[in-house]
Amino acid sequence: MNTPKILVIGALGQIGSELVEELCNQKGKENVIASDIRPENEVEIDATYITLNVMEKERLFEVVQKYNIGVIYNLAAVLSAKGEQNPMFAWELNMQGLFNTLEAAKEISHLTQIFWPSSIAVFGPNSPRIDTPQYCVMDPNTVYGISKLAGERWCEYYAEKYGVDVRSIRYPGLIGYKAAPGGGTTDYAVDIYHYAVQNKPYKCFLREDTMLPMMYMEDAIRATILLMDTPAEKIKNRSSYNIAGMSFSPEGITESIRTYLPGFECTYEPDFRQKIADSWPMSVDDTDAKNDWGWTPEYNLDKMTQIMLENISRKYPQTSSIG
């Protein structure tokens, strides 16, 4: 059976850069087309790369036809913190990009699968905050969360109305060392490691007790590909699946870092992102993902901290001392 050609939109972002690498490993790099808005002559990537703005529908259709694309991973989005600074642009990009990929799957017969990421930002102040269930009150209060909740409804609509095989995950905060975060409320959990290995104190923009769902990037990538590789008849949810990895607070990650760097200092000066974090879950229930497609995480906080510090320290060899 031939491997379908895969198009990754937003391939240079925090998730996209690692997803492209793993898709190349698993599916063969000859089957992966990476795309983003940066010009081709400015990008070095071990896969075919093309410049593509997901907002340009005709260009997207042209690419899908030219490369005989069978699967799209659409990762292009304005995240929570940046979205609050430019709400109208965030809404336009997050929604129109989704519509363009859904319409491509509806209109082009060889495009048979779409992945579109949702987020824990779909939940809001009146959602249960502990073990937040798959189905509950959802009243997001950020443009990012509103766009993701609307997107979930449109995904389900296209699946039911037009038979589009669209699949989605509600990502928690994602942590990895290979690429910079993209402007989300959980970005502190990446930045803090960079400060720690440079022996610099870190000023956190959330309160020390702000518990949020988090996930190591390798788990997130594995979950994404696992979901897409699952037979269609097992996918019972066409809006988006909760998935859980771990939950911790800034104080918790600081203590984990101090296991290896006892002198690390962290202070707390909450800003506008605190209000966003306070509306999100502290933990989520991912029973449906476990039952439907066999999801289970492999990383906890301490295991992740060790990996993050070891790898980030290589970027600052003169200042870090991990013990």
Protein backbone atom coordinates (compact mmCIF):
# COMPACT_ATOMS: atom_id res chain seq x y z
CA MET A 1 0.00 0.00 0.00
CA ASN A 2 1.44 3.36 -1.04
CA THR A 3 2.13 5.92 1.68
CA PRO A 4 0.04 9.04 1.01
CA LYS A 5 1.84 12.33 0.49
CA ILE A 6 1.71 14.47 3.62
CA LEU A 7 1.55 18.27 3.78
CA VAL A 8 2.49 19.93 7.08
CA ILE A 9 1.28 23.54 7.28
CA GLY A 10 3.07 25.61 9.90
CA ALA A 11 6.07 23.30 9.69
CA LEU A 12 8.55 25.74 11.24
CA GLY A 13 6.67 26.20 14.50
CA GLN A 14 7.16 24.53 17.87
CA ILE A 15 5.02 21.50 17.01
CA GLY A 16 5.57 21.50 13.26
CA SER A 17 9.36 21.30 13.34
CA GLU A 18 9.30 18.15 15.47
CA LEU A 19 6.30 16.64 13.69
CA VAL A 20 8.02 16.98 10.29
CA GLU A 21 11.12 15.23 11.64
CA GLU A 22 9.13 12.31 13.02
CA LEU A 23 6.91 11.99 9.95
CA CYS A 24 10.06 11.83 7.80
CA ASN A 25 11.40 9.07 10.05
CA GLN A 26 8.18 7.05 10.00
CA LYS A 27 6.71 7.73 6.56
CA GLY A 28 9.85 8.54 4.52
CA LYS A 29 10.97 12.07 3.81
CA GLU A 30 10.07 11.62 0.15
CA ASN A 31 6.44 11.56 1.32
CA VAL A 32 6.55 14.72 3.46
CA ILE A 33 6.07 18.28 2.20
CA ALA A 34 6.83 20.94 4.83
CA SER A 35 5.35 24.41 4.40
CA ASP A 36 5.29 27.74 6.18
CA ILE A 37 5.19 31.43 5.28
CA ARG A 38 8.97 31.94 5.26
CA PRO A 39 10.65 32.10 1.83
CA GLU A 40 12.22 28.89 0.61
CA ASN A 41 15.73 30.37 0.38
CA GLU A 42 15.66 31.16 4.12
CA VAL A 43 14.83 27.64 5.31
CA GLU A 44 17.05 24.64 5.93
CA ILE A 45 15.03 21.51 6.60
CA ASP A 46 15.55 17.84 5.81
CA ALA A 47 12.39 17.53 3.72
CA THR A 48 10.84 19.16 0.70
CA TYR A 49 9.92 22.70 1.74
CA ILE A 50 7.57 25.15 0.04
CA THR A 51 6.34 28.61 0.95
CA LEU A 52 2.61 28.49 1.66
CA ASN A 53 0.17 30.81 3.43
CA VAL A 54 -2.83 28.75 4.51
CA MET A 55 -4.99 31.87 4.12
CA GLU A 56 -4.49 31.71 0.34
CA LYS A 57 -7.09 29.14 -0.65
CA GLU A 58 -6.24 28.92 -4.36
CA ARG A 59 -2.54 28.42 -3.56
CA LEU A 60 -3.42 25.69 -1.04
CA PHE A 61 -5.57 23.87 -3.60
CA GLU A 62 -2.77 24.20 -6.15
CA VAL A 63 -0.24 22.62 -3.75
CA VAL A 64 -2.59 19.76 -2.84
CA GLN A 65 -3.10 18.99 -6.53
CA LYS A 66 0.53 19.45 -7.59
CA TYR A 67 1.98 17.15 -4.93
CA ASN A 68 -0.97 14.72 -4.84
CA ILE A 69 -1.43 15.37 -1.12
CA GLY A 70 -3.44 12.75 0.78
CA VAL A 71 -3.01 14.04 4.35
CA ILE A 72 -2.77 17.57 5.75
CA TYR A 73 -1.57 18.52 9.22
CA ASN A 74 -2.69 22.16 9.59
CA LEU A 75 -0.73 23.63 12.52
CA ALA A 76 -0.91 27.30 11.52
CA ALA A 77 -2.37 29.36 14.37
CA VAL A 78 -2.02 32.45 16.52
CA LEU A 79 -1.71 31.20 20.11
CA SER A 80 -3.35 32.43 23.31
CA ALA A 81 -1.09 35.24 24.53
CA LYS A 82 -0.34 36.66 21.06
CA GLY A 83 -3.99 36.30 20.12
CA GLU A 84 -5.07 38.68 22.88
CA GLN A 85 -2.76 41.33 21.44
CA ASN A 86 -4.34 41.11 17.97
CA PRO A 87 -7.75 39.42 18.29
CA MET A 88 -9.10 40.04 14.80
CA PHE A 89 -6.01 38.70 13.06
CA ALA A 90 -5.96 35.67 15.38
CA TRP A 91 -9.60 34.93 14.56
CA GLU A 92 -9.06 35.35 10.82
CA LEU A 93 -5.98 33.12 10.65
CA ASN A 94 -7.24 30.43 13.01
CA MET A 95 -10.64 30.12 11.34
CA GLN A 96 -9.96 30.82 7.66
CA GLY A 97 -6.97 28.48 7.65
CA LEU A 98 -9.18 25.71 8.99
CA PHE A 99 -11.95 26.41 6.48
CA ASN A 100 -9.50 26.31 3.59
CA THR A 101 -8.15 22.89 4.57
CA LEU A 102 -11.63 21.49 5.25
CA GLU A 103 -12.83 22.76 1.88
CA ALA A 104 -9.82 21.19 0.19
CA ALA A 105 -10.68 17.82 1.75
CA LYS A 106 -14.30 18.24 0.70
CA GLU A 107 -13.45 19.14 -2.91
CA ILE A 108 -10.31 17.09 -3.73
CA SER A 109 -10.83 13.34 -3.75
CA HIS A 110 -7.24 12.23 -3.06
CA LEU A 111 -7.04 14.43 0.07
CA THR A 112 -8.48 11.95 2.54
CA GLN A 113 -7.35 13.08 6.02
CA ILE A 114 -7.01 16.35 7.94
CA PHE A 115 -5.37 16.94 11.31
CA TRP A 116 -6.20 20.19 13.05
CA PRO A 117 -5.08 20.89 16.62
CA SER A 118 -7.40 22.20 19.28
CA SER A 119 -6.39 23.17 22.81
CA ILE A 120 -7.33 23.16 26.49
CA ALA A 121 -8.09 26.84 25.78
CA VAL A 122 -11.58 25.72 24.66
CA PHE A 123 -12.48 25.39 28.33
CA GLY A 124 -13.36 28.40 30.42
CA PRO A 125 -14.16 29.74 33.89
CA ASN A 126 -17.27 27.57 34.26
CA SER A 127 -15.69 24.33 33.03
CA PRO A 128 -14.76 21.81 35.73
CA ARG A 129 -11.08 22.50 36.46
CA ILE A 130 -10.03 19.12 37.88
CA ASP A 131 -10.19 16.09 35.57
CA THR A 132 -12.02 18.24 33.03
CA PRO A 133 -14.21 15.79 31.09
CA GLN A 134 -14.41 15.35 27.34
CA TYR A 135 -17.90 16.88 27.32
CA CYS A 136 -18.77 19.73 29.67
CA VAL A 137 -19.53 23.45 29.80
CA MET A 138 -17.09 25.24 27.49
CA ASP A 139 -16.99 29.03 27.75
CA PRO A 140 -13.54 30.21 26.60
CA ASN A 141 -12.64 33.83 27.28
CA THR A 142 -9.73 34.28 24.85
CA VAL A 143 -9.92 34.71 21.09
CA TYR A 144 -7.66 31.65 20.78
CA GLY A 145 -10.05 29.52 22.84
CA ILE A 146 -13.10 30.89 21.05
CA SER A 147 -11.56 30.12 17.66
CA LYS A 148 -10.61 26.61 18.74
CA LEU A 149 -14.08 25.86 20.10
CA ALA A 150 -15.68 27.18 16.91
CA GLY A 151 -13.18 25.13 14.92
CA GLU A 152 -14.13 21.96 16.79
CA ARG A 153 -17.76 22.49 15.84
CA TRP A 154 -16.84 23.06 12.20
CA CYS A 155 -14.67 19.92 12.15
CA GLU A 156 -17.58 17.86 13.42
CA TYR A 157 -19.91 19.53 10.92
CA TYR A 158 -17.66 18.73 7.94
CA ALA A 159 -17.25 15.15 9.17
CA GLU A 160 -20.97 14.58 9.50
CA LYS A 161 -22.18 16.67 6.54
CA TYR A 162 -19.48 15.91 3.96
CA GLY A 163 -17.69 12.82 5.28
CA VAL A 164 -14.36 14.62 5.79
CA ASP A 165 -11.99 12.48 7.85
CA VAL A 166 -10.83 15.25 10.17
CA ARG A 167 -9.16 14.46 13.49
CA SER A 168 -8.10 16.64 16.38
CA ILE A 169 -6.42 16.75 19.79
CA ARG A 170 -6.89 19.32 22.54
CA TYR A 171 -3.24 19.92 23.27
CA PRO A 172 -2.20 20.90 26.78
CA GLY A 173 0.85 23.12 27.29
CA LEU A 174 3.67 21.65 25.19
CA ILE A 175 7.32 21.55 26.23
CA GLY A 176 10.28 20.77 24.01
CA TYR A 177 13.86 21.86 23.48
CA LYS A 178 14.16 21.78 19.68
CA ALA A 179 12.17 24.90 18.79
CA ALA A 180 11.08 28.10 20.49
CA PRO A 181 7.50 28.32 21.80
CA GLY A 182 5.03 30.35 19.79
CA GLY A 183 3.42 32.84 22.15
CA GLY A 184 1.23 30.77 24.44
CA THR A 185 0.30 31.07 28.10
CA THR A 186 2.36 28.00 29.00
CA ASP A 187 5.57 29.23 27.33
CA TYR A 188 7.15 29.79 30.75
CA ALA A 189 7.62 26.02 31.06
CA VAL A 190 10.08 26.13 28.14
CA ASP A 191 11.75 29.45 28.91
CA ILE A 192 12.47 28.47 32.51
CA TYR A 193 14.85 25.69 31.43
CA HIS A 194 16.86 28.07 29.25
CA TYR A 195 17.35 30.44 32.18
CA ALA A 196 18.24 27.58 34.51
CA VAL A 197 21.06 26.17 32.39
CA GLN A 198 22.53 29.67 32.01
CA ASN A 199 22.54 30.09 35.80
CA LYS A 200 20.14 33.04 35.47
CA PRO A 201 17.19 33.72 37.78
CA TYR A 202 13.81 33.43 36.07
CA LYS A 203 10.86 35.79 36.51
CA CYS A 204 7.69 33.80 35.87
CA PHE A 205 4.59 35.52 34.48
CA LEU A 206 2.25 33.13 36.34
CA ARG A 207 1.68 32.62 40.07
CA GLU A 208 3.74 29.88 41.65
CA ASP A 209 0.66 27.72 42.39
CA THR A 210 -0.88 27.88 38.90
CA MET A 211 -1.51 24.22 38.08
CA LEU A 212 -1.98 23.46 34.38
CA PRO A 213 -2.02 20.37 32.12
CA MET A 214 1.31 19.95 30.32
CA MET A 215 2.97 17.48 27.98
CA TYR A 216 6.47 16.74 26.77
CA MET A 217 6.67 17.32 23.02
CA GLU A 218 7.67 13.76 22.18
CA ASP A 219 4.43 12.51 23.76
CA ALA A 220 2.44 15.12 21.80
CA ILE A 221 4.00 14.11 18.49
CA ARG A 222 3.47 10.44 19.22
CA ALA A 223 -0.19 11.08 20.12
CA THR A 224 -0.74 13.05 16.93
CA ILE A 225 0.63 10.38 14.61
CA LEU A 226 -1.07 7.60 16.60
CA LEU A 227 -4.42 9.32 16.20
CA MET A 228 -3.91 9.76 12.46
CA ASP A 229 -2.80 6.14 12.00
CA THR A 230 -5.84 4.74 13.83
CA PRO A 231 -8.50 3.13 11.58
CA ALA A 232 -11.35 5.54 10.92
CA GLU A 233 -13.99 3.30 12.48
CA LYS A 234 -12.32 3.67 15.88
CA ILE A 235 -12.44 7.46 15.82
CA LYS A 236 -15.68 8.23 17.63
CA ASN A 237 -15.03 11.92 18.29
CA ARG A 238 -14.84 14.28 15.33
CA SER A 239 -14.54 17.50 17.32
CA SER A 240 -11.38 17.01 19.39
CA TYR A 241 -9.98 14.58 21.97
CA ASN A 242 -8.72 15.46 25.44
CA ILE A 243 -5.24 14.06 26.05
CA ALA A 244 -3.29 14.26 29.31
CA GLY A 245 0.40 14.00 30.10
CA MET A 246 1.16 15.62 33.45
CA SER A 247 0.00 18.60 35.50
CA PHE A 248 2.32 20.91 37.43
CA SER A 249 2.72 24.49 38.63
CA PRO A 250 5.64 26.92 38.18
CA GLU A 251 6.64 26.06 41.73
CA GLY A 252 6.61 22.36 40.82
CA ILE A 253 8.81 22.75 37.75
CA THR A 254 11.18 24.97 39.76
CA GLU A 255 11.61 22.26 42.37
CA SER A 256 12.17 19.67 39.64
CA ILE A 257 14.93 21.83 38.14
CA ARG A 258 16.52 22.27 41.59
CA THR A 259 17.00 18.51 41.73
CA TYR A 260 19.74 19.07 39.15
CA LEU A 261 20.57 22.76 39.72
CA PRO A 262 20.08 23.43 43.46
CA GLY A 263 20.94 27.12 43.18
CA PHE A 264 18.28 27.96 40.59
CA GLU A 265 16.12 30.94 41.55
CA CYS A 266 12.61 31.76 40.34
CA THR A 267 10.42 34.74 41.22
CA TYR A 268 6.81 35.39 40.26
CA GLU A 269 5.27 38.49 38.71
CA PRO A 270 1.92 37.53 37.15
CA ASP A 271 0.81 39.51 34.10
CA PHE A 272 -2.22 39.37 31.78
CA ARG A 273 -1.55 35.69 31.12
CA GLN A 274 -2.51 34.83 34.69
CA LYS A 275 -6.17 35.51 33.94
CA ILE A 276 -5.98 33.23 30.93
CA ALA A 277 -4.37 30.42 32.96
CA ASP A 278 -6.96 30.79 35.73
CA SER A 279 -9.73 29.96 33.23
CA TRP A 280 -8.08 26.74 32.06
CA PRO A 281 -8.20 23.23 33.55
CA MET A 282 -5.77 22.05 36.21
CA SER A 283 -6.02 18.51 34.82
CA VAL A 284 -8.03 16.77 32.09
CA ASP A 285 -9.74 13.40 31.74
CA ASP A 286 -8.52 11.63 28.59
CA THR A 287 -10.43 8.35 29.00
CA ASP A 288 -11.96 8.59 25.51
CA ALA A 289 -8.56 8.91 23.83
CA LYS A 290 -7.25 5.94 25.81
CA ASN A 291 -10.28 3.80 24.97
CA ASP A 292 -10.73 4.79 21.32
CA TRP A 293 -7.15 4.81 20.01
CA GLY A 294 -4.90 3.54 22.77
CA TRP A 295 -3.36 6.80 23.97
CA THR A 296 -1.04 6.70 27.00
CA PRO A 297 1.73 9.15 27.99
CA GLU A 298 5.33 8.08 28.58
CA TYR A 299 6.85 11.15 30.29
CA ASN A 300 6.42 12.65 33.76
CA LEU A 301 7.84 15.93 35.09
CA ASP A 302 11.15 14.65 36.44
CA LYS A 303 11.90 12.56 33.34
CA MET A 304 11.13 15.56 31.16
CA THR A 305 13.25 17.92 33.26
CA GLN A 306 16.29 15.69 32.95
CA ILE A 307 15.94 15.53 29.16
CA MET A 308 15.28 19.27 28.81
CA LEU A 309 18.26 20.31 30.93
CA GLU A 310 20.65 17.89 29.25
CA ASN A 311 19.72 19.01 25.76
CA ILE A 312 19.37 22.74 26.38
CA SER A 313 22.69 22.80 28.23
CA ARG A 314 24.41 21.93 24.94
CA LYS A 315 23.31 25.33 23.63
CA TYR A 316 25.09 27.10 26.50
CA PRO A 317 28.21 24.97 27.11
CA GLN A 318 30.16 27.70 28.89
CA THR A 319 27.52 28.51 31.49
CA SER A 320 25.64 25.30 32.32
CA SER A 321 26.57 22.65 34.81
CA ILE A 322 23.97 19.93 35.13
CA GLY A 323 24.49 17.61 38.03
